Full PDB file with SEQRES, HELIX, SHEET, SSBOND, CRYST1, ORIGX, SCALE, CONECT and MASTER records, all heavy atoms in Angstrom:
SEQRES   1 A   44  SER VAL PRO GLY VAL ARG LYS ALA VAL LYS TRP ASN SER          
SEQRES   2 A   44  PRO PHE TYR GLY ILE GLU GLY ARG GLY TRP PHE LEU GLY          
SEQRES   3 A   44  ILE HIS SER PHE THR HIS TYR LEU LYS VAL ALA PHE PHE          
SEQRES   4 A   44  ARG GLY THR SER LEU                                          
HELIX    1 AA1 GLY A   41  SER A   43  5                                   3    
SHEET    1 AA1 4 ARG A   6  LYS A  10  0                                        
SHEET    2 AA1 4 SER A  13  ILE A  18 -1                                        
SHEET    3 AA1 4 GLY A  22  SER A  29 -1                                        
SHEET    4 AA1 4 LEU A  34  PHE A  38 -1                                        
CRYST1    1.000    1.000    1.000  90.00  90.00  90.00 P 1           1          
ORIGX1      1.000000  0.000000  0.000000        0.00000                         
ORIGX2      0.000000  1.000000  0.000000        0.00000                         
ORIGX3      0.000000  0.000000  1.000000        0.00000                         
SCALE1      1.000000  0.000000  0.000000        0.00000                         
SCALE2      0.000000  1.000000  0.000000        0.00000                         
SCALE3      0.000000  0.000000  1.000000        0.00000                         
ATOM      1  N   SER A   1      91.947 110.741 110.938  1.00  0.00           N  
ATOM      2  CA  SER A   1      91.266 111.339 109.687  1.00  0.00           C  
ATOM      3  C   SER A   1      90.235 110.245 109.215  1.00  0.00           C  
ATOM      4  O   SER A   1      89.265 110.671 108.596  1.00  0.00           O  
ATOM      5  CB  SER A   1      92.238 111.656 108.603  1.00  0.00           C  
ATOM      6  OG  SER A   1      93.050 112.623 109.023  1.00  0.00           O  
ATOM      7  N   VAL A   2      90.470 109.015 109.472  1.00  0.00           N  
ATOM      8  CA  VAL A   2      89.585 107.968 108.966  1.00  0.00           C  
ATOM      9  C   VAL A   2      89.281 106.929 110.056  1.00  0.00           C  
ATOM     10  O   VAL A   2      90.034 105.917 110.157  1.00  0.00           O  
ATOM     11  CB  VAL A   2      90.191 107.170 107.791  1.00  0.00           C  
ATOM     12  CG1 VAL A   2      89.348 106.132 107.166  1.00  0.00           C  
ATOM     13  CG2 VAL A   2      90.793 108.176 106.656  1.00  0.00           C  
ATOM     14  N   PRO A   3      88.274 107.306 110.858  1.00  0.00           N  
ATOM     15  CA  PRO A   3      87.927 106.311 111.970  1.00  0.00           C  
ATOM     16  C   PRO A   3      87.675 104.928 111.348  1.00  0.00           C  
ATOM     17  O   PRO A   3      86.944 104.798 110.349  1.00  0.00           O  
ATOM     18  CB  PRO A   3      86.769 106.976 112.641  1.00  0.00           C  
ATOM     19  CG  PRO A   3      86.781 108.402 112.228  1.00  0.00           C  
ATOM     20  CD  PRO A   3      87.524 108.407 110.867  1.00  0.00           C  
ATOM     21  N   GLY A   4      88.021 103.852 112.025  1.00  0.00           N  
ATOM     22  CA  GLY A   4      87.789 102.543 111.626  1.00  0.00           C  
ATOM     23  C   GLY A   4      88.670 102.087 110.326  1.00  0.00           C  
ATOM     24  O   GLY A   4      88.397 101.148 109.742  1.00  0.00           O  
ATOM     25  N   VAL A   5      89.780 102.876 110.119  1.00  0.00           N  
ATOM     26  CA  VAL A   5      90.715 102.422 109.048  1.00  0.00           C  
ATOM     27  C   VAL A   5      91.174 101.085 109.194  1.00  0.00           C  
ATOM     28  O   VAL A   5      91.429 100.593 110.357  1.00  0.00           O  
ATOM     29  CB  VAL A   5      91.871 103.481 108.773  1.00  0.00           C  
ATOM     30  CG1 VAL A   5      92.840 103.472 110.096  1.00  0.00           C  
ATOM     31  CG2 VAL A   5      92.579 103.289 107.511  1.00  0.00           C  
ATOM     32  N   ARG A   6      91.390 100.350 108.105  1.00  0.00           N  
ATOM     33  CA  ARG A   6      91.927  99.032 108.094  1.00  0.00           C  
ATOM     34  C   ARG A   6      93.454  99.188 107.927  1.00  0.00           C  
ATOM     35  O   ARG A   6      93.772  99.873 107.099  1.00  0.00           O  
ATOM     36  CB  ARG A   6      91.149  98.072 106.980  1.00  0.00           C  
ATOM     37  CG  ARG A   6      91.826  96.837 106.901  1.00  0.00           C  
ATOM     38  CD  ARG A   6      91.073  96.039 105.802  1.00  0.00           C  
ATOM     39  NE  ARG A   6      91.660  94.751 105.528  1.00  0.00           N  
ATOM     40  CZ  ARG A   6      91.672  94.116 104.402  1.00  0.00           C  
ATOM     41  NH1 ARG A   6      91.161  94.724 103.386  1.00  0.00           N  
ATOM     42  NH2 ARG A   6      92.256  93.009 104.306  1.00  0.00           N  
ATOM     43  N   LYS A   7      94.130  98.347 108.631  1.00  0.00           N  
ATOM     44  CA  LYS A   7      95.686  98.307 108.491  1.00  0.00           C  
ATOM     45  C   LYS A   7      96.192  96.999 108.164  1.00  0.00           C  
ATOM     46  O   LYS A   7      95.742  96.031 108.604  1.00  0.00           O  
ATOM     47  CB  LYS A   7      96.244  98.836 109.746  1.00  0.00           C  
ATOM     48  CG  LYS A   7      95.858 100.249 110.266  1.00  0.00           C  
ATOM     49  CD  LYS A   7      96.666 100.562 111.465  1.00  0.00           C  
ATOM     50  CE  LYS A   7      96.159 101.820 112.088  1.00  0.00           C  
ATOM     51  NZ  LYS A   7      96.943 102.235 113.315  1.00  0.00           N  
ATOM     52  N   ALA A   8      97.286  96.978 107.453  1.00  0.00           N  
ATOM     53  CA  ALA A   8      98.072  95.720 107.284  1.00  0.00           C  
ATOM     54  C   ALA A   8      99.497  96.091 106.817  1.00  0.00           C  
ATOM     55  O   ALA A   8      99.785  97.217 106.431  1.00  0.00           O  
ATOM     56  CB  ALA A   8      97.376  94.959 106.102  1.00  0.00           C  
ATOM     57  N   VAL A   9     100.412  95.082 106.956  1.00  0.00           N  
ATOM     58  CA  VAL A   9     101.685  95.196 106.360  1.00  0.00           C  
ATOM     59  C   VAL A   9     101.728  94.160 105.148  1.00  0.00           C  
ATOM     60  O   VAL A   9     101.428  93.074 105.327  1.00  0.00           O  
ATOM     61  CB  VAL A   9     102.794  94.841 107.382  1.00  0.00           C  
ATOM     62  CG1 VAL A   9     104.173  94.750 106.676  1.00  0.00           C  
ATOM     63  CG2 VAL A   9     102.845  95.958 108.488  1.00  0.00           C  
ATOM     64  N   LYS A  10     102.057  94.791 104.012  1.00  0.00           N  
ATOM     65  CA  LYS A  10     102.109  93.977 102.767  1.00  0.00           C  
ATOM     66  C   LYS A  10     103.408  94.426 102.114  1.00  0.00           C  
ATOM     67  O   LYS A  10     103.600  95.649 102.012  1.00  0.00           O  
ATOM     68  CB  LYS A  10     100.903  94.083 101.817  1.00  0.00           C  
ATOM     69  CG  LYS A  10      99.676  93.571 102.574  1.00  0.00           C  
ATOM     70  CD  LYS A  10      98.472  93.740 101.729  1.00  0.00           C  
ATOM     71  CE  LYS A  10      97.233  93.232 102.192  1.00  0.00           C  
ATOM     72  NZ  LYS A  10      97.219  91.794 102.476  1.00  0.00           N  
ATOM     73  N   TRP A  11     104.251  93.530 101.579  1.00  0.00           N  
ATOM     74  CA  TRP A  11     105.402  93.820 100.834  1.00  0.00           C  
ATOM     75  C   TRP A  11     106.291  94.761 101.563  1.00  0.00           C  
ATOM     76  O   TRP A  11     106.893  95.762 101.033  1.00  0.00           O  
ATOM     77  CB  TRP A  11     105.072  94.443  99.475  1.00  0.00           C  
ATOM     78  CG  TRP A  11     104.153  93.520  98.665  1.00  0.00           C  
ATOM     79  CD1 TRP A  11     104.566  92.374  98.076  1.00  0.00           C  
ATOM     80  CD2 TRP A  11     102.763  93.624  98.388  1.00  0.00           C  
ATOM     81  NE1 TRP A  11     103.502  91.723  97.407  1.00  0.00           N  
ATOM     82  CE2 TRP A  11     102.384  92.533  97.665  1.00  0.00           C  
ATOM     83  CE3 TRP A  11     101.790  94.554  98.852  1.00  0.00           C  
ATOM     84  CZ2 TRP A  11     101.092  92.357  97.275  1.00  0.00           C  
ATOM     85  CZ3 TRP A  11     100.530  94.389  98.385  1.00  0.00           C  
ATOM     86  CH2 TRP A  11     100.220  93.229  97.643  1.00  0.00           C  
ATOM     87  N   ASN A  12     106.452  94.520 102.890  1.00  0.00           N  
ATOM     88  CA  ASN A  12     107.235  95.335 103.801  1.00  0.00           C  
ATOM     89  C   ASN A  12     106.858  96.769 103.950  1.00  0.00           C  
ATOM     90  O   ASN A  12     107.787  97.673 104.030  1.00  0.00           O  
ATOM     91  CB  ASN A  12     108.761  95.167 103.455  1.00  0.00           C  
ATOM     92  CG  ASN A  12     109.229  93.754 103.598  1.00  0.00           C  
ATOM     93  OD1 ASN A  12     109.049  93.080 104.650  1.00  0.00           O  
ATOM     94  ND2 ASN A  12     109.768  93.197 102.586  1.00  0.00           N  
ATOM     95  N   SER A  13     105.580  97.068 103.756  1.00  0.00           N  
ATOM     96  CA  SER A  13     105.076  98.431 103.867  1.00  0.00           C  
ATOM     97  C   SER A  13     103.782  98.441 104.631  1.00  0.00           C  
ATOM     98  O   SER A  13     102.946  97.556 104.190  1.00  0.00           O  
ATOM     99  CB  SER A  13     104.951  99.056 102.449  1.00  0.00           C  
ATOM    100  OG  SER A  13     106.160  99.147 101.873  1.00  0.00           O  
ATOM    101  N   PRO A  14     103.524  99.446 105.422  1.00  0.00           N  
ATOM    102  CA  PRO A  14     102.082  99.557 105.946  1.00  0.00           C  
ATOM    103  C   PRO A  14     101.150 100.089 104.851  1.00  0.00           C  
ATOM    104  O   PRO A  14     101.455 100.896 104.148  1.00  0.00           O  
ATOM    105  CB  PRO A  14     102.309 100.638 106.894  1.00  0.00           C  
ATOM    106  CG  PRO A  14     103.633 100.731 107.307  1.00  0.00           C  
ATOM    107  CD  PRO A  14     104.417 100.355 106.044  1.00  0.00           C  
ATOM    108  N   PHE A  15     100.042  99.453 104.909  1.00  0.00           N  
ATOM    109  CA  PHE A  15      98.890  99.835 103.983  1.00  0.00           C  
ATOM    110  C   PHE A  15      97.656 100.234 104.837  1.00  0.00           C  
ATOM    111  O   PHE A  15      97.393  99.647 105.914  1.00  0.00           O  
ATOM    112  CB  PHE A  15      98.430  98.617 103.040  1.00  0.00           C  
ATOM    113  CG  PHE A  15      99.339  98.382 101.942  1.00  0.00           C  
ATOM    114  CD1 PHE A  15     100.715  98.046 102.095  1.00  0.00           C  
ATOM    115  CD2 PHE A  15      98.879  98.655 100.666  1.00  0.00           C  
ATOM    116  CE1 PHE A  15     101.486  97.798 100.924  1.00  0.00           C  
ATOM    117  CE2 PHE A  15      99.704  98.380  99.523  1.00  0.00           C  
ATOM    118  CZ  PHE A  15     101.015  98.124  99.717  1.00  0.00           C  
ATOM    119  N   TYR A  16      96.927 101.184 104.344  1.00  0.00           N  
ATOM    120  CA  TYR A  16      95.751 101.728 104.982  1.00  0.00           C  
ATOM    121  C   TYR A  16      94.567 101.601 104.017  1.00  0.00           C  
ATOM    122  O   TYR A  16      94.748 101.989 102.789  1.00  0.00           O  
ATOM    123  CB  TYR A  16      95.956 103.132 105.456  1.00  0.00           C  
ATOM    124  CG  TYR A  16      96.998 103.202 106.518  1.00  0.00           C  
ATOM    125  CD1 TYR A  16      98.372 103.262 106.196  1.00  0.00           C  
ATOM    126  CD2 TYR A  16      96.705 103.256 107.918  1.00  0.00           C  
ATOM    127  CE1 TYR A  16      99.396 103.393 107.115  1.00  0.00           C  
ATOM    128  CE2 TYR A  16      97.669 103.400 108.904  1.00  0.00           C  
ATOM    129  CZ  TYR A  16      98.984 103.396 108.520  1.00  0.00           C  
ATOM    130  OH  TYR A  16     100.116 103.585 109.396  1.00  0.00           O  
ATOM    131  N   GLY A  17      93.463 101.072 104.452  1.00  0.00           N  
ATOM    132  CA  GLY A  17      92.231 100.962 103.579  1.00  0.00           C  
ATOM    133  C   GLY A  17      90.938 100.938 104.298  1.00  0.00           C  
ATOM    134  O   GLY A  17      90.941 101.155 105.559  1.00  0.00           O  
ATOM    135  N   ILE A  18      89.892 100.660 103.525  1.00  0.00           N  
ATOM    136  CA  ILE A  18      88.567 100.607 103.991  1.00  0.00           C  
ATOM    137  C   ILE A  18      88.107  99.164 103.740  1.00  0.00           C  
ATOM    138  O   ILE A  18      88.232  98.715 102.643  1.00  0.00           O  
ATOM    139  CB  ILE A  18      87.636 101.665 103.412  1.00  0.00           C  
ATOM    140  CG1 ILE A  18      88.121 102.968 103.531  1.00  0.00           C  
ATOM    141  CG2 ILE A  18      86.197 101.459 103.865  1.00  0.00           C  
ATOM    142  CD1 ILE A  18      88.232 103.586 104.903  1.00  0.00           C  
ATOM    143  N   GLU A  19      87.520  98.556 104.774  1.00  0.00           N  
ATOM    144  CA  GLU A  19      87.110  97.133 104.666  1.00  0.00           C  
ATOM    145  C   GLU A  19      86.178  97.047 103.462  1.00  0.00           C  
ATOM    146  O   GLU A  19      85.246  97.740 103.248  1.00  0.00           O  
ATOM    147  CB  GLU A  19      86.422  96.743 105.916  1.00  0.00           C  
ATOM    148  CG  GLU A  19      86.064  95.202 105.945  1.00  0.00           C  
ATOM    149  CD  GLU A  19      87.155  94.337 106.031  1.00  0.00           C  
ATOM    150  OE1 GLU A  19      88.147  94.595 106.735  1.00  0.00           O  
ATOM    151  OE2 GLU A  19      87.165  93.288 105.344  1.00  0.00           O  
ATOM    152  N   GLY A  20      86.407  96.077 102.592  1.00  0.00           N  
ATOM    153  CA  GLY A  20      85.675  95.761 101.407  1.00  0.00           C  
ATOM    154  C   GLY A  20      85.774  96.785 100.231  1.00  0.00           C  
ATOM    155  O   GLY A  20      85.200  96.587  99.221  1.00  0.00           O  
ATOM    156  N   ARG A  21      86.698  97.741 100.399  1.00  0.00           N  
ATOM    157  CA  ARG A  21      86.874  98.731  99.377  1.00  0.00           C  
ATOM    158  C   ARG A  21      88.282  98.885  98.865  1.00  0.00           C  
ATOM    159  O   ARG A  21      88.555  99.735  97.933  1.00  0.00           O  
ATOM    160  CB  ARG A  21      86.368 100.186  99.793  1.00  0.00           C  
ATOM    161  CG  ARG A  21      84.855 100.161 100.077  1.00  0.00           C  
ATOM    162  CD  ARG A  21      84.330 101.459 100.461  1.00  0.00           C  
ATOM    163  NE  ARG A  21      84.678 102.508  99.498  1.00  0.00           N  
ATOM    164  CZ  ARG A  21      84.677 103.754  99.784  1.00  0.00           C  
ATOM    165  NH1 ARG A  21      84.230 104.116 100.978  1.00  0.00           N  
ATOM    166  NH2 ARG A  21      85.083 104.604  98.971  1.00  0.00           N  
ATOM    167  N   GLY A  22      89.087  98.241  99.538  1.00  0.00           N  
ATOM    168  CA  GLY A  22      90.620  98.234  98.994  1.00  0.00           C  
ATOM    169  C   GLY A  22      91.442  99.194  99.854  1.00  0.00           C  
ATOM    170  O   GLY A  22      91.035  99.758 100.831  1.00  0.00           O  
ATOM    171  N   TRP A  23      92.778  99.256  99.362  1.00  0.00           N  
ATOM    172  CA  TRP A  23      93.737 100.179 100.048  1.00  0.00           C  
ATOM    173  C   TRP A  23      93.785 101.521  99.283  1.00  0.00           C  
ATOM    174  O   TRP A  23      93.787 101.647  98.121  1.00  0.00           O  
ATOM    175  CB  TRP A  23      95.154  99.473 100.007  1.00  0.00           C  
ATOM    176  CG  TRP A  23      95.076  98.143 100.428  1.00  0.00           C  
ATOM    177  CD1 TRP A  23      95.059  96.925  99.749  1.00  0.00           C  
ATOM    178  CD2 TRP A  23      94.945  97.660 101.795  1.00  0.00           C  
ATOM    179  NE1 TRP A  23      95.050  95.815 100.579  1.00  0.00           N  
ATOM    180  CE2 TRP A  23      94.874  96.316 101.875  1.00  0.00           C  
ATOM    181  CE3 TRP A  23      94.843  98.414 103.017  1.00  0.00           C  
ATOM    182  CZ2 TRP A  23      94.804  95.597 103.036  1.00  0.00           C  
ATOM    183  CZ3 TRP A  23      94.793  97.622 104.244  1.00  0.00           C  
ATOM    184  CH2 TRP A  23      94.793  96.351 104.310  1.00  0.00           C  
ATOM    185  N   PHE A  24      93.889 102.536 100.200  1.00  0.00           N  
ATOM    186  CA  PHE A  24      93.957 103.917  99.557  1.00  0.00           C  
ATOM    187  C   PHE A  24      95.361 104.538  99.793  1.00  0.00           C  
ATOM    188  O   PHE A  24      95.623 105.462  99.100  1.00  0.00           O  
ATOM    189  CB  PHE A  24      92.930 104.840 100.168  1.00  0.00           C  
ATOM    190  CG  PHE A  24      92.986 105.121 101.647  1.00  0.00           C  
ATOM    191  CD1 PHE A  24      93.719 106.064 102.141  1.00  0.00           C  
ATOM    192  CD2 PHE A  24      92.151 104.431 102.503  1.00  0.00           C  
ATOM    193  CE1 PHE A  24      93.742 106.361 103.539  1.00  0.00           C  
ATOM    194  CE2 PHE A  24      92.120 104.535 103.865  1.00  0.00           C  
ATOM    195  CZ  PHE A  24      92.936 105.561 104.423  1.00  0.00           C  
ATOM    196  N   LEU A  25      96.206 103.966 100.690  1.00  0.00           N  
ATOM    197  CA  LEU A  25      97.482 104.627 101.035  1.00  0.00           C  
ATOM    198  C   LEU A  25      98.440 103.585 101.520  1.00  0.00           C  
ATOM    199  O   LEU A  25      98.119 102.645 102.121  1.00  0.00           O  
ATOM    200  CB  LEU A  25      97.260 105.643 102.140  1.00  0.00           C  
ATOM    201  CG  LEU A  25      98.349 106.495 102.693  1.00  0.00           C  
ATOM    202  CD1 LEU A  25      97.747 107.768 103.145  1.00  0.00           C  
ATOM    203  CD2 LEU A  25      98.936 105.867 103.873  1.00  0.00           C  
ATOM    204  N   GLY A  26      99.695 103.788 101.093  1.00  0.00           N  
ATOM    205  CA  GLY A  26     100.802 102.989 101.644  1.00  0.00           C  
ATOM    206  C   GLY A  26     102.038 103.913 102.017  1.00  0.00           C  
ATOM    207  O   GLY A  26     102.180 104.909 101.596  1.00  0.00           O  
ATOM    208  N   ILE A  27     102.835 103.440 102.904  1.00  0.00           N  
ATOM    209  CA  ILE A  27     104.015 104.095 103.456  1.00  0.00           C  
ATOM    210  C   ILE A  27     105.224 103.190 103.194  1.00  0.00           C  
ATOM    211  O   ILE A  27     105.177 102.021 103.415  1.00  0.00           O  
ATOM    212  CB  ILE A  27     103.922 104.506 104.912  1.00  0.00           C  
ATOM    213  CG1 ILE A  27     102.693 105.398 105.132  1.00  0.00           C  
ATOM    214  CG2 ILE A  27     105.164 105.094 105.435  1.00  0.00           C  
ATOM    215  CD1 ILE A  27     102.406 105.665 106.598  1.00  0.00           C  
ATOM    216  N   HIS A  28     106.285 103.795 102.725  1.00  0.00           N  
ATOM    217  CA  HIS A  28     107.543 103.043 102.521  1.00  0.00           C  
ATOM    218  C   HIS A  28     108.786 103.878 102.866  1.00  0.00           C  
ATOM    219  O   HIS A  28     108.820 105.083 102.578  1.00  0.00           O  
ATOM    220  CB  HIS A  28     107.605 102.647 101.050  1.00  0.00           C  
ATOM    221  CG  HIS A  28     108.624 101.499 100.734  1.00  0.00           C  
ATOM    222  ND1 HIS A  28     108.383 100.182 100.962  1.00  0.00           N  
ATOM    223  CD2 HIS A  28     109.936 101.625 100.276  1.00  0.00           C  
ATOM    224  CE1 HIS A  28     109.502  99.482 100.687  1.00  0.00           C  
ATOM    225  NE2 HIS A  28     110.400 100.379 100.299  1.00  0.00           N  
ATOM    226  N   SER A  29     109.735 103.157 103.492  1.00  0.00           N  
ATOM    227  CA  SER A  29     110.944 103.855 103.894  1.00  0.00           C  
ATOM    228  C   SER A  29     112.026 103.764 102.853  1.00  0.00           C  
ATOM    229  O   SER A  29     112.300 102.608 102.443  1.00  0.00           O  
ATOM    230  CB  SER A  29     111.402 103.222 105.216  1.00  0.00           C  
ATOM    231  OG  SER A  29     112.652 103.857 105.653  1.00  0.00           O  
ATOM    232  N   PHE A  30     112.607 104.950 102.506  1.00  0.00           N  
ATOM    233  CA  PHE A  30     113.736 104.945 101.546  1.00  0.00           C  
ATOM    234  C   PHE A  30     114.920 105.480 102.396  1.00  0.00           C  
ATOM    235  O   PHE A  30     114.716 105.960 103.483  1.00  0.00           O  
ATOM    236  CB  PHE A  30     113.462 105.689 100.353  1.00  0.00           C  
ATOM    237  CG  PHE A  30     112.556 105.120  99.408  1.00  0.00           C  
ATOM    238  CD1 PHE A  30     111.089 105.209  99.613  1.00  0.00           C  
ATOM    239  CD2 PHE A  30     112.952 104.188  98.432  1.00  0.00           C  
ATOM    240  CE1 PHE A  30     110.289 104.564  98.677  1.00  0.00           C  
ATOM    241  CE2 PHE A  30     112.019 103.534  97.633  1.00  0.00           C  
ATOM    242  CZ  PHE A  30     110.647 103.774  97.712  1.00  0.00           C  
ATOM    243  N   THR A  31     116.053 105.554 101.826  1.00  0.00           N  
ATOM    244  CA  THR A  31     117.262 105.937 102.602  1.00  0.00           C  
ATOM    245  C   THR A  31     117.115 107.291 103.191  1.00  0.00           C  
ATOM    246  O   THR A  31     117.459 107.509 104.318  1.00  0.00           O  
ATOM    247  CB  THR A  31     118.454 105.876 101.645  1.00  0.00           C  
ATOM    248  OG1 THR A  31     118.690 104.650 101.163  1.00  0.00           O  
ATOM    249  CG2 THR A  31     119.809 106.417 102.395  1.00  0.00           C  
ATOM    250  N   HIS A  32     116.577 108.235 102.328  1.00  0.00           N  
ATOM    251  CA  HIS A  32     116.671 109.648 102.841  1.00  0.00           C  
ATOM    252  C   HIS A  32     115.199 110.261 103.044  1.00  0.00           C  
ATOM    253  O   HIS A  32     115.087 111.470 103.299  1.00  0.00           O  
ATOM    254  CB  HIS A  32     117.310 110.496 101.898  1.00  0.00           C  
ATOM    255  CG  HIS A  32     118.831 110.087 101.776  1.00  0.00           C  
ATOM    256  ND1 HIS A  32     119.730 110.284 102.744  1.00  0.00           N  
ATOM    257  CD2 HIS A  32     119.457 109.628 100.741  1.00  0.00           C  
ATOM    258  CE1 HIS A  32     120.916 109.851 102.393  1.00  0.00           C  
ATOM    259  NE2 HIS A  32     120.731 109.407 101.158  1.00  0.00           N  
ATOM    260  N   TYR A  33     114.193 109.327 102.942  1.00  0.00           N  
ATOM    261  CA  TYR A  33     112.819 109.980 103.142  1.00  0.00           C  
ATOM    262  C   TYR A  33     111.792 108.794 103.364  1.00  0.00           C  
ATOM    263  O   TYR A  33     112.134 107.615 103.042  1.00  0.00           O  
ATOM    264  CB  TYR A  33     112.362 110.687 101.858  1.00  0.00           C  
ATOM    265  CG  TYR A  33     112.393 109.994 100.543  1.00  0.00           C  
ATOM    266  CD1 TYR A  33     111.249 109.362 100.098  1.00  0.00           C  
ATOM    267  CD2 TYR A  33     113.543 109.848  99.863  1.00  0.00           C  
ATOM    268  CE1 TYR A  33     111.233 108.620  98.841  1.00  0.00           C  
ATOM    269  CE2 TYR A  33     113.658 109.209  98.615  1.00  0.00           C  
ATOM    270  CZ  TYR A  33     112.497 108.613  98.134  1.00  0.00           C  
ATOM    271  OH  TYR A  33     112.503 107.955  96.946  1.00  0.00           O  
ATOM    272  N   LEU A  34     110.712 109.162 103.817  1.00  0.00           N  
ATOM    273  CA  LEU A  34     109.429 108.298 103.860  1.00  0.00           C  
ATOM    274  C   LEU A  34     108.565 108.695 102.719  1.00  0.00           C  
ATOM    275  O   LEU A  34     108.261 109.955 102.524  1.00  0.00           O  
ATOM    276  CB  LEU A  34     108.677 108.395 105.150  1.00  0.00           C  
ATOM    277  CG  LEU A  34     109.228 107.665 106.425  1.00  0.00           C  
ATOM    278  CD1 LEU A  34     108.256 107.763 107.541  1.00  0.00           C  
ATOM    279  CD2 LEU A  34     109.477 106.126 106.028  1.00  0.00           C  
ATOM    280  N   LYS A  35     108.042 107.667 101.974  1.00  0.00           N  
ATOM    281  CA  LYS A  35     107.120 107.949 100.938  1.00  0.00           C  
ATOM    282  C   LYS A  35     105.746 107.587 101.371  1.00  0.00           C  
ATOM    283  O   LYS A  35     105.455 106.420 101.751  1.00  0.00           O  
ATOM    284  CB  LYS A  35     107.446 107.128  99.615  1.00  0.00           C  
ATOM    285  CG  LYS A  35     106.478 107.365  98.474  1.00  0.00           C  
ATOM    286  CD  LYS A  35     106.956 106.614  97.183  1.00  0.00           C  
ATOM    287  CE  LYS A  35     108.166 107.123  96.614  1.00  0.00           C  
ATOM    288  NZ  LYS A  35     108.104 108.414  95.982  1.00  0.00           N  
ATOM    289  N   VAL A  36     104.850 108.537 101.217  1.00  0.00           N  
ATOM    290  CA  VAL A  36     103.327 108.263 101.396  1.00  0.00           C  
ATOM    291  C   VAL A  36     102.758 108.241 100.006  1.00  0.00           C  
ATOM    292  O   VAL A  36     102.719 109.302  99.251  1.00  0.00           O  
ATOM    293  CB  VAL A  36     102.801 109.445 102.337  1.00  0.00           C  
ATOM    294  CG1 VAL A  36     101.280 109.187 102.465  1.00  0.00           C  
ATOM    295  CG2 VAL A  36     103.461 109.552 103.609  1.00  0.00           C  
ATOM    296  N   ALA A  37     102.296 107.067  99.656  1.00  0.00           N  
ATOM    297  CA  ALA A  37     101.738 106.827  98.260  1.00  0.00           C  
ATOM    298  C   ALA A  37     100.313 106.814  98.379  1.00  0.00           C  
ATOM    299  O   ALA A  37      99.693 105.989  99.087  1.00  0.00           O  
ATOM    300  CB  ALA A  37     102.330 105.595  97.613  1.00  0.00           C  
ATOM    301  N   PHE A  38      99.485 107.617  97.530  1.00  0.00           N  
ATOM    302  CA  PHE A  38      98.079 107.597  97.510  1.00  0.00           C  
ATOM    303  C   PHE A  38      97.734 106.846  96.126  1.00  0.00           C  
ATOM    304  O   PHE A  38      98.056 107.324  95.057  1.00  0.00           O  
ATOM    305  CB  PHE A  38      97.527 108.992  97.430  1.00  0.00           C  
ATOM    306  CG  PHE A  38      97.725 109.806  98.706  1.00  0.00           C  
ATOM    307  CD1 PHE A  38      98.755 110.645  98.847  1.00  0.00           C  
ATOM    308  CD2 PHE A  38      96.886 109.755  99.776  1.00  0.00           C  
ATOM    309  CE1 PHE A  38      99.132 111.336  99.949  1.00  0.00           C  
ATOM    310  CE2 PHE A  38      97.125 110.422 100.940  1.00  0.00           C  
ATOM    311  CZ  PHE A  38      98.206 111.175 101.048  1.00  0.00           C  
ATOM    312  N   PHE A  39      97.105 105.698  96.331  1.00  0.00           N  
ATOM    313  CA  PHE A  39      96.891 104.834  95.164  1.00  0.00           C  
ATOM    314  C   PHE A  39      96.031 105.306  94.019  1.00  0.00           C  
ATOM    315  O   PHE A  39      96.166 104.944  92.903  1.00  0.00           O  
ATOM    316  CB  PHE A  39      96.538 103.471  95.624  1.00  0.00           C  
ATOM    317  CG  PHE A  39      97.518 102.750  96.501  1.00  0.00           C  
ATOM    318  CD1 PHE A  39      97.016 102.376  97.779  1.00  0.00           C  
ATOM    319  CD2 PHE A  39      98.894 102.775  96.196  1.00  0.00           C  
ATOM    320  CE1 PHE A  39      97.986 101.770  98.583  1.00  0.00           C  
ATOM    321  CE2 PHE A  39      99.841 102.105  97.107  1.00  0.00           C  
ATOM    322  CZ  PHE A  39      99.357 101.725  98.308  1.00  0.00           C  
ATOM    323  N   ARG A  40      95.070 106.192  94.369  1.00  0.00           N  
ATOM    324  CA  ARG A  40      94.230 106.972  93.550  1.00  0.00           C  
ATOM    325  C   ARG A  40      94.583 108.390  93.551  1.00  0.00           C  
ATOM    326  O   ARG A  40      93.700 109.354  93.474  1.00  0.00           O  
ATOM    327  CB  ARG A  40      92.775 106.662  93.811  1.00  0.00           C  
ATOM    328  CG  ARG A  40      92.398 105.290  93.825  1.00  0.00           C  
ATOM    329  CD  ARG A  40      92.219 104.691  92.402  1.00  0.00           C  
ATOM    330  NE  ARG A  40      91.613 103.425  92.499  1.00  0.00           N  
ATOM    331  CZ  ARG A  40      92.138 102.355  91.982  1.00  0.00           C  
ATOM    332  NH1 ARG A  40      93.162 102.364  91.260  1.00  0.00           N  
ATOM    333  NH2 ARG A  40      91.616 101.104  92.054  1.00  0.00           N  
ATOM    334  N   GLY A  41      95.826 108.802  93.682  1.00  0.00           N  
ATOM    335  CA  GLY A  41      96.271 110.169  93.816  1.00  0.00           C  
ATOM    336  C   GLY A  41      96.028 111.111  92.751  1.00  0.00           C  
ATOM    337  O   GLY A  41      95.886 112.349  93.075  1.00  0.00           O  
ATOM    338  N   THR A  42      95.772 110.686  91.534  1.00  0.00           N  
ATOM    339  CA  THR A  42      95.483 111.595  90.443  1.00  0.00           C  
ATOM    340  C   THR A  42      94.016 112.228  90.643  1.00  0.00           C  
ATOM    341  O   THR A  42      93.664 113.227  90.083  1.00  0.00           O  
ATOM    342  CB  THR A  42      95.543 111.017  89.027  1.00  0.00           C  
ATOM    343  OG1 THR A  42      94.657 109.832  89.045  1.00  0.00           O  
ATOM    344  CG2 THR A  42      96.962 110.664  88.778  1.00  0.00           C  
ATOM    345  N   SER A  43      93.218 111.563  91.511  1.00  0.00           N  
ATOM    346  CA  SER A  43      91.853 112.058  91.827  1.00  0.00           C  
ATOM    347  C   SER A  43      91.801 113.010  93.003  1.00  0.00           C  
ATOM    348  O   SER A  43      90.704 113.559  93.298  1.00  0.00           O  
ATOM    349  CB  SER A  43      90.916 110.857  92.094  1.00  0.00           C  
ATOM    350  OG  SER A  43      90.838 110.026  90.876  1.00  0.00           O  
ATOM    351  N   LEU A  44      92.932 113.263  93.623  1.00  0.00           N  
ATOM    352  CA  LEU A  44      92.908 114.101  94.782  1.00  0.00           C  
ATOM    353  C   LEU A  44      93.084 115.508  94.376  1.00  0.00           C  
ATOM    354  O   LEU A  44      93.769 115.846  93.419  1.00  0.00           O  
ATOM    355  CB  LEU A  44      94.050 113.664  95.760  1.00  0.00           C  
ATOM    356  CG  LEU A  44      94.081 112.298  96.248  1.00  0.00           C  
ATOM    357  CD1 LEU A  44      95.243 111.973  97.218  1.00  0.00           C  
ATOM    358  CD2 LEU A  44      92.718 111.912  96.967  1.00  0.00           C  
TER     359      LEU A  44                                                      
MASTER        0    0    0    1    4    0    0    6  358    1    0    4          
END                                                                             
């Protein structure tokens, strides 16, 4: 969906972002689910 996406692991979670523009999404594992967090989700 986002060619050239920037990736990193921070705080034991994968983060996805755009170089020079910050992180737009993070993933975190919980006991019974994976959470996909959109950091500006109220704008979606």
